[in-house]
Amino acid sequence: MDWKVFLATFGAVFFAELADKTQLVGIGMAAKTGKPVSVWLGSILAYVIVTVISVFLGAILAKFIKPELIRYIGASLFIIIGLLMFFKTI
């Protein structure tokens, strides 16, 4: 186990996910249903599946595309989605 990579990944994901819409969905679902354990388990399973897909996709893409290009594409998509969200709310 590469602890440096593990801790860097944990820190990046933890702070990226802190107070995002996923947490707001969890809060809303737990409040609406009154079943926090079911919401927690459903959230964990969904996040595990999304993470597995992301990691495998990243590993496959890294064989064909430079990691820098993947980073630029990801950042560009993030900006485009943010702009679309911004202009849709005005």
N, C-alpha and C. Protein backbone atom coordinates (compact mmCIF):
# COMPACT_ATOMS: atom_id res chain seq x y z
N MET A 1 0.86 -1.18 0.00
CA MET A 1 0.00 0.00 0.00
C MET A 1 0.90 1.23 0.00
N ASP A 2 0.66 2.10 -0.93
CA ASP A 2 1.39 3.37 -0.99
C ASP A 2 0.62 4.39 -0.16
N TRP A 3 1.07 4.63 1.07
CA TRP A 3 0.34 5.49 2.00
C TRP A 3 0.31 6.94 1.54
N LYS A 4 1.33 7.36 0.83
CA LYS A 4 1.35 8.74 0.33
C LYS A 4 0.22 8.96 -0.67
N VAL A 5 0.07 8.02 -1.60
CA VAL A 5 -1.01 8.10 -2.59
C VAL A 5 -2.37 7.96 -1.90
N PHE A 6 -2.46 7.01 -0.95
CA PHE A 6 -3.70 6.80 -0.22
C PHE A 6 -4.13 8.07 0.51
N LEU A 7 -3.23 8.68 1.26
CA LEU A 7 -3.58 9.88 2.02
C LEU A 7 -3.88 11.07 1.12
N ALA A 8 -3.14 11.20 0.02
CA ALA A 8 -3.41 12.29 -0.92
C ALA A 8 -4.79 12.13 -1.55
N THR A 9 -5.13 10.90 -1.92
CA THR A 9 -6.44 10.63 -2.51
C THR A 9 -7.54 10.85 -1.48
N PHE A 10 -7.34 10.35 -0.27
CA PHE A 10 -8.33 10.55 0.78
C PHE A 10 -8.58 12.04 1.02
N GLY A 11 -7.51 12.80 1.16
CA GLY A 11 -7.64 14.23 1.40
C GLY A 11 -8.34 14.95 0.27
N ALA A 12 -7.96 14.63 -0.96
CA ALA A 12 -8.57 15.29 -2.12
C ALA A 12 -10.06 14.97 -2.21
N VAL A 13 -10.43 13.71 -2.07
CA VAL A 13 -11.84 13.32 -2.17
C VAL A 13 -12.63 13.87 -0.98
N PHE A 14 -12.05 13.79 0.21
CA PHE A 14 -12.76 14.27 1.40
C PHE A 14 -13.10 15.76 1.27
N PHE A 15 -12.12 16.56 0.90
CA PHE A 15 -12.37 18.00 0.81
C PHE A 15 -13.19 18.36 -0.42
N ALA A 16 -13.07 17.59 -1.50
CA ALA A 16 -13.89 17.86 -2.69
C ALA A 16 -15.35 17.55 -2.43
N GLU A 17 -15.61 16.54 -1.63
CA GLU A 17 -16.99 16.12 -1.36
C GLU A 17 -17.62 16.87 -0.20
N LEU A 18 -16.82 17.57 0.58
CA LEU A 18 -17.33 18.28 1.75
C LEU A 18 -18.34 19.34 1.33
N ALA A 19 -19.55 19.20 1.84
CA ALA A 19 -20.64 20.17 1.60
C ALA A 19 -21.01 20.30 0.12
N ASP A 20 -20.97 19.20 -0.61
CA ASP A 20 -21.41 19.27 -2.01
C ASP A 20 -22.85 18.78 -2.11
N LYS A 21 -23.36 18.72 -3.32
CA LYS A 21 -24.77 18.35 -3.50
C LYS A 21 -25.06 16.92 -3.07
N THR A 22 -24.07 16.05 -3.07
CA THR A 22 -24.28 14.68 -2.62
C THR A 22 -24.66 14.67 -1.14
N GLN A 23 -24.00 15.46 -0.35
CA GLN A 23 -24.33 15.54 1.07
C GLN A 23 -25.71 16.15 1.27
N LEU A 24 -26.05 17.13 0.45
CA LEU A 24 -27.37 17.74 0.55
C LEU A 24 -28.47 16.73 0.23
N VAL A 25 -28.21 15.86 -0.75
CA VAL A 25 -29.17 14.80 -1.07
C VAL A 25 -29.31 13.85 0.11
N GLY A 26 -28.19 13.48 0.72
CA GLY A 26 -28.23 12.60 1.88
C GLY A 26 -29.00 13.21 3.04
N ILE A 27 -28.77 14.49 3.29
CA ILE A 27 -29.50 15.18 4.36
C ILE A 27 -31.00 15.19 4.06
N GLY A 28 -31.32 15.52 2.81
CA GLY A 28 -32.73 15.57 2.41
C GLY A 28 -33.42 14.22 2.49
N MET A 29 -32.74 13.19 2.01
CA MET A 29 -33.33 11.85 2.03
C MET A 29 -33.51 11.34 3.47
N ALA A 30 -32.51 11.58 4.31
CA ALA A 30 -32.62 11.14 5.71
C ALA A 30 -33.73 11.88 6.43
N ALA A 31 -33.86 13.17 6.15
CA ALA A 31 -34.93 13.95 6.79
C ALA A 31 -36.31 13.52 6.29
N LYS A 32 -36.40 13.27 4.98
CA LYS A 32 -37.70 12.91 4.39
C LYS A 32 -38.16 11.52 4.82
N THR A 33 -37.23 10.56 4.81
CA THR A 33 -37.62 9.18 5.09
C THR A 33 -37.59 8.83 6.57
N GLY A 34 -36.76 9.53 7.34
CA GLY A 34 -36.61 9.19 8.74
C GLY A 34 -35.84 7.89 8.94
N LYS A 35 -35.13 7.44 7.90
CA LYS A 35 -34.38 6.18 7.97
C LYS A 35 -32.91 6.45 7.61
N PRO A 36 -32.17 7.07 8.53
CA PRO A 36 -30.79 7.46 8.22
C PRO A 36 -29.86 6.30 7.90
N VAL A 37 -30.06 5.14 8.52
CA VAL A 37 -29.17 4.00 8.25
C VAL A 37 -29.35 3.53 6.81
N SER A 38 -30.59 3.45 6.33
CA SER A 38 -30.84 3.04 4.94
C SER A 38 -30.27 4.06 3.97
N VAL A 39 -30.42 5.33 4.27
CA VAL A 39 -29.85 6.39 3.42
C VAL A 39 -28.33 6.29 3.42
N TRP A 40 -27.74 6.07 4.58
CA TRP A 40 -26.29 5.95 4.70
C TRP A 40 -25.77 4.78 3.88
N LEU A 41 -26.41 3.61 4.03
CA LEU A 41 -25.97 2.43 3.28
C LEU A 41 -26.15 2.62 1.77
N GLY A 42 -27.27 3.20 1.36
CA GLY A 42 -27.49 3.48 -0.06
C GLY A 42 -26.46 4.45 -0.61
N SER A 43 -26.13 5.47 0.18
CA SER A 43 -25.12 6.44 -0.24
C SER A 43 -23.75 5.80 -0.39
N ILE A 44 -23.39 4.96 0.57
CA ILE A 44 -22.09 4.29 0.52
C ILE A 44 -22.00 3.39 -0.72
N LEU A 45 -23.01 2.59 -0.95
CA LEU A 45 -22.99 1.68 -2.10
C LEU A 45 -22.91 2.46 -3.41
N ALA A 46 -23.70 3.52 -3.52
CA ALA A 46 -23.66 4.33 -4.74
C ALA A 46 -22.28 4.94 -4.95
N TYR A 47 -21.68 5.47 -3.88
CA TYR A 47 -20.37 6.09 -4.02
C TYR A 47 -19.29 5.06 -4.35
N VAL A 48 -19.39 3.88 -3.77
CA VAL A 48 -18.42 2.81 -4.09
C VAL A 48 -18.49 2.47 -5.58
N ILE A 49 -19.70 2.30 -6.10
CA ILE A 49 -19.86 1.93 -7.51
C ILE A 49 -19.34 3.04 -8.42
N VAL A 50 -19.69 4.30 -8.11
CA VAL A 50 -19.20 5.42 -8.92
C VAL A 50 -17.68 5.50 -8.87
N THR A 51 -17.10 5.28 -7.70
CA THR A 51 -15.65 5.34 -7.55
C THR A 51 -14.96 4.22 -8.32
N VAL A 52 -15.52 3.01 -8.25
CA VAL A 52 -14.93 1.89 -9.01
C VAL A 52 -14.94 2.20 -10.50
N ILE A 53 -16.06 2.70 -11.00
CA ILE A 53 -16.14 3.05 -12.42
C ILE A 53 -15.12 4.13 -12.76
N SER A 54 -15.02 5.16 -11.92
CA SER A 54 -14.08 6.26 -12.16
C SER A 54 -12.63 5.79 -12.17
N VAL A 55 -12.27 4.95 -11.21
CA VAL A 55 -10.89 4.47 -11.12
C VAL A 55 -10.54 3.61 -12.33
N PHE A 56 -11.43 2.70 -12.70
CA PHE A 56 -11.15 1.86 -13.87
C PHE A 56 -11.11 2.67 -15.15
N LEU A 57 -12.02 3.60 -15.30
CA LEU A 57 -12.01 4.47 -16.48
C LEU A 57 -10.72 5.29 -16.54
N GLY A 58 -10.30 5.82 -15.39
CA GLY A 58 -9.05 6.58 -15.34
C GLY A 58 -7.85 5.72 -15.71
N ALA A 59 -7.83 4.48 -15.22
CA ALA A 59 -6.71 3.58 -15.52
C ALA A 59 -6.68 3.23 -17.00
N ILE A 60 -7.84 3.03 -17.59
CA ILE A 60 -7.91 2.71 -19.01
C ILE A 60 -7.51 3.92 -19.85
N LEU A 61 -8.07 5.08 -19.53
CA LEU A 61 -7.74 6.30 -20.28
C LEU A 61 -6.27 6.65 -20.19
N ALA A 62 -5.65 6.39 -19.04
CA ALA A 62 -4.24 6.72 -18.84
C ALA A 62 -3.34 5.93 -19.78
N LYS A 63 -3.81 4.80 -20.28
CA LYS A 63 -3.01 4.01 -21.22
C LYS A 63 -3.00 4.64 -22.61
N PHE A 64 -4.02 5.44 -22.92
CA PHE A 64 -4.15 6.00 -24.25
C PHE A 64 -3.99 7.52 -24.31
N ILE A 65 -4.21 8.19 -23.19
CA ILE A 65 -4.18 9.64 -23.14
C ILE A 65 -3.27 10.07 -21.99
N LYS A 66 -2.49 11.14 -22.21
CA LYS A 66 -1.63 11.65 -21.15
C LYS A 66 -2.48 12.14 -19.98
N PRO A 67 -2.04 11.89 -18.74
CA PRO A 67 -2.79 12.35 -17.57
C PRO A 67 -3.04 13.87 -17.56
N GLU A 68 -2.09 14.65 -18.09
CA GLU A 68 -2.29 16.10 -18.15
C GLU A 68 -3.49 16.45 -19.01
N LEU A 69 -3.67 15.75 -20.11
CA LEU A 69 -4.81 16.01 -20.99
C LEU A 69 -6.12 15.64 -20.29
N ILE A 70 -6.12 14.54 -19.56
CA ILE A 70 -7.31 14.16 -18.80
C ILE A 70 -7.65 15.25 -17.78
N ARG A 71 -6.62 15.78 -17.12
CA ARG A 71 -6.84 16.85 -16.13
C ARG A 71 -7.42 18.09 -16.80
N TYR A 72 -6.89 18.48 -17.96
CA TYR A 72 -7.39 19.66 -18.66
C TYR A 72 -8.83 19.46 -19.15
N ILE A 73 -9.12 18.27 -19.65
CA ILE A 73 -10.48 17.97 -20.10
C ILE A 73 -11.44 18.01 -18.91
N GLY A 74 -11.06 17.41 -17.80
CA GLY A 74 -11.90 17.42 -16.60
C GLY A 74 -12.14 18.83 -16.10
N ALA A 75 -11.09 19.63 -16.05
CA ALA A 75 -11.23 21.02 -15.59
C ALA A 75 -12.11 21.82 -16.54
N SER A 76 -11.95 21.60 -17.83
CA SER A 76 -12.76 22.31 -18.82
C SER A 76 -14.24 21.94 -18.69
N LEU A 77 -14.51 20.65 -18.53
CA LEU A 77 -15.90 20.22 -18.35
C LEU A 77 -16.50 20.81 -17.07
N PHE A 78 -15.70 20.88 -16.02
CA PHE A 78 -16.16 21.45 -14.76
C PHE A 78 -16.54 22.92 -14.96
N ILE A 79 -15.70 23.66 -15.67
CA ILE A 79 -15.99 25.08 -15.94
C ILE A 79 -17.22 25.23 -16.81
N ILE A 80 -17.34 24.41 -17.86
CA ILE A 80 -18.49 24.49 -18.76
C ILE A 80 -19.79 24.19 -18.00
N ILE A 81 -19.77 23.15 -17.20
CA ILE A 81 -20.97 22.80 -16.42
C ILE A 81 -21.32 23.93 -15.45
N GLY A 82 -20.31 24.51 -14.81
CA GLY A 82 -20.54 25.64 -13.91
C GLY A 82 -21.15 26.83 -14.63
N LEU A 83 -20.64 27.14 -15.82
CA LEU A 83 -21.19 28.25 -16.59
C LEU A 83 -22.62 27.97 -17.02
N LEU A 84 -22.88 26.75 -17.45
CA LEU A 84 -24.25 26.39 -17.84
C LEU A 84 -25.20 26.51 -16.65
N MET A 85 -24.76 26.07 -15.49
CA MET A 85 -25.59 26.19 -14.29
C MET A 85 -25.80 27.66 -13.93
N PHE A 86 -24.75 28.45 -14.06
CA PHE A 86 -24.84 29.87 -13.72
C PHE A 86 -25.82 30.60 -14.62
N PHE A 87 -25.71 30.41 -15.91
CA PHE A 87 -26.57 31.13 -16.84
C PHE A 87 -28.01 30.61 -16.84
N LYS A 88 -28.20 29.38 -16.45
CA LYS A 88 -29.55 28.83 -16.37
C LYS A 88 -30.32 29.43 -15.19
N THR A 89 -29.62 29.84 -14.14
CA THR A 89 -30.29 30.36 -12.96
C THR A 89 -30.59 31.85 -13.05
N ILE A 90 -30.05 32.52 -14.03
CA ILE A 90 -30.30 33.97 -14.16
C ILE A 90 -31.63 34.22 -14.84
